[in-house]
Amino acid sequence: MATYQGHKNWNQWNVALWISNDEPLYREAVRVYRMCSTVDGAARLLQAYLPERTPDGARYSIAAVRAALVGLEIER
């Protein structure tokens, strides 16, 4: 099974790329992650603020946003 730069699939890789490389989006992800008690809660809250898709067309699904947050390794 192929992986995408260590991610499960292209969608999760693309979402992680946008969240970690777009500075305003990254700052919002860090803020939301730190104020929530769980990664799942942070992913749901962050996803509610995001558009449906990245500029490249990847869907900001809960699974993709959650994987991106886990990959950021943010300290609480």
C-alpha atoms as a PDB file:
ATOM      1  CA  MET A   1       0.000   0.000   0.000  1.00  0.00           C
ATOM      2  CA  ALA A   2       1.422   3.371  -1.021  1.00  0.00           C
ATOM      3  CA  THR A   3       1.773   6.166   1.493  1.00  0.00           C
ATOM      4  CA  TYR A   4       2.037   9.871   0.861  1.00  0.00           C
ATOM      5  CA  GLN A   5       5.006  11.350   2.716  1.00  0.00           C
ATOM      6  CA  GLY A   6       4.107   9.170   5.705  1.00  0.00           C
ATOM      7  CA  HIS A   7       0.366   9.901   5.528  1.00  0.00           C
ATOM      8  CA  LYS A   8      -2.365   7.339   4.931  1.00  0.00           C
ATOM      9  CA  ASN A   9      -3.537   8.866   1.633  1.00  0.00           C
ATOM     10  CA  TRP A  10      -3.279  11.919  -0.604  1.00  0.00           C
ATOM     11  CA  ASN A  11      -6.192  13.690   1.079  1.00  0.00           C
ATOM     12  CA  GLN A  12      -4.671  13.466   4.553  1.00  0.00           C
ATOM     13  CA  TRP A  13      -1.261  14.510   3.212  1.00  0.00           C
ATOM     14  CA  ASN A  14      -2.736  17.526   1.419  1.00  0.00           C
ATOM     15  CA  VAL A  15      -4.758  18.688   4.433  1.00  0.00           C
ATOM     16  CA  ALA A  16      -1.703  18.305   6.694  1.00  0.00           C
ATOM     17  CA  LEU A  17       0.365  20.262   4.190  1.00  0.00           C
ATOM     18  CA  TRP A  18      -2.080  23.176   4.216  1.00  0.00           C
ATOM     19  CA  ILE A  19      -2.571  23.210   7.975  1.00  0.00           C
ATOM     20  CA  SER A  20       1.142  23.080   8.710  1.00  0.00           C
ATOM     21  CA  ASN A  21       2.301  25.518   5.998  1.00  0.00           C
ATOM     22  CA  ASP A  22      -0.348  28.241   5.904  1.00  0.00           C
ATOM     23  CA  GLU A  23       0.653  30.473   8.832  1.00  0.00           C
ATOM     24  CA  PRO A  24      -2.800  31.826   9.794  1.00  0.00           C
ATOM     25  CA  LEU A  25      -4.283  28.337   9.513  1.00  0.00           C
ATOM     26  CA  TYR A  26      -1.419  26.856  11.522  1.00  0.00           C
ATOM     27  CA  ARG A  27      -1.872  29.435  14.288  1.00  0.00           C
ATOM     28  CA  GLU A  28      -5.604  28.704  14.427  1.00  0.00           C
ATOM     29  CA  ALA A  29      -4.931  24.953  14.556  1.00  0.00           C
ATOM     30  CA  VAL A  30      -2.528  25.437  17.473  1.00  0.00           C
ATOM     31  CA  ARG A  31      -4.990  27.702  19.304  1.00  0.00           C
ATOM     32  CA  VAL A  32      -7.890  25.259  18.871  1.00  0.00           C
ATOM     33  CA  TYR A  33      -5.755  22.250  19.801  1.00  0.00           C
ATOM     34  CA  ARG A  34      -4.594  23.896  23.022  1.00  0.00           C
ATOM     35  CA  MET A  35      -8.083  24.900  24.133  1.00  0.00           C
ATOM     36  CA  CYS A  36      -9.678  21.473  23.554  1.00  0.00           C
ATOM     37  CA  SER A  37      -9.274  18.512  25.860  1.00  0.00           C
ATOM     38  CA  THR A  38      -9.060  15.919  23.075  1.00  0.00           C
ATOM     39  CA  VAL A  39      -7.622  15.730  19.570  1.00  0.00           C
ATOM     40  CA  ASP A  40     -11.032  14.632  18.270  1.00  0.00           C
ATOM     41  CA  GLY A  41     -12.686  17.676  19.812  1.00  0.00           C
ATOM     42  CA  ALA A  42     -10.046  19.963  18.340  1.00  0.00           C
ATOM     43  CA  ALA A  43     -10.440  18.368  14.906  1.00  0.00           C
ATOM     44  CA  ARG A  44     -14.216  18.839  14.962  1.00  0.00           C
ATOM     45  CA  LEU A  45     -13.948  22.437  16.097  1.00  0.00           C
ATOM     46  CA  LEU A  46     -11.250  23.319  13.568  1.00  0.00           C
ATOM     47  CA  GLN A  47     -13.131  21.590  10.756  1.00  0.00           C
ATOM     48  CA  ALA A  48     -16.171  23.757  11.487  1.00  0.00           C
ATOM     49  CA  TYR A  49     -14.094  26.862  10.664  1.00  0.00           C
ATOM     50  CA  LEU A  50     -12.537  25.484   7.499  1.00  0.00           C
ATOM     51  CA  PRO A  51     -13.924  25.618   3.982  1.00  0.00           C
ATOM     52  CA  GLU A  52     -15.051  22.320   2.480  1.00  0.00           C
ATOM     53  CA  ARG A  53     -11.813  21.787   0.551  1.00  0.00           C
ATOM     54  CA  THR A  54      -8.207  22.914   0.406  1.00  0.00           C
ATOM     55  CA  PRO A  55      -7.181  25.105  -2.541  1.00  0.00           C
ATOM     56  CA  ASP A  56      -5.873  21.876  -4.125  1.00  0.00           C
ATOM     57  CA  GLY A  57      -9.241  20.160  -3.799  1.00  0.00           C
ATOM     58  CA  ALA A  58      -8.630  17.871  -0.810  1.00  0.00           C
ATOM     59  CA  ARG A  59     -11.606  17.577   1.542  1.00  0.00           C
ATOM     60  CA  TYR A  60     -11.131  18.837   5.092  1.00  0.00           C
ATOM     61  CA  SER A  61     -12.608  15.654   6.560  1.00  0.00           C
ATOM     62  CA  ILE A  62     -12.534  14.983  10.290  1.00  0.00           C
ATOM     63  CA  ALA A  63     -10.036  12.152   9.746  1.00  0.00           C
ATOM     64  CA  ALA A  64      -7.737  14.359   7.673  1.00  0.00           C
ATOM     65  CA  VAL A  65      -7.875  17.282  10.106  1.00  0.00           C
ATOM     66  CA  ARG A  66      -7.316  14.947  13.064  1.00  0.00           C
ATOM     67  CA  ALA A  67      -4.304  13.342  11.362  1.00  0.00           C
ATOM     68  CA  ALA A  68      -2.896  16.788  10.607  1.00  0.00           C
ATOM     69  CA  LEU A  69      -3.250  17.865  14.251  1.00  0.00           C
ATOM     70  CA  VAL A  70      -1.589  14.700  15.504  1.00  0.00           C
ATOM     71  CA  GLY A  71       1.241  15.278  13.043  1.00  0.00           C
ATOM     72  CA  LEU A  72       1.871  18.790  14.320  1.00  0.00           C
ATOM     73  CA  GLU A  73       2.934  17.448  17.747  1.00  0.00           C
ATOM     74  CA  ILE A  74       1.691  20.552  19.535  1.00  0.00           C
ATOM     75  CA  GLU A  75       2.492  20.902  23.218  1.00  0.00           C
ATOM     76  CA  ARG A  76      -0.473  21.709  25.459  1.00  0.00           C
END
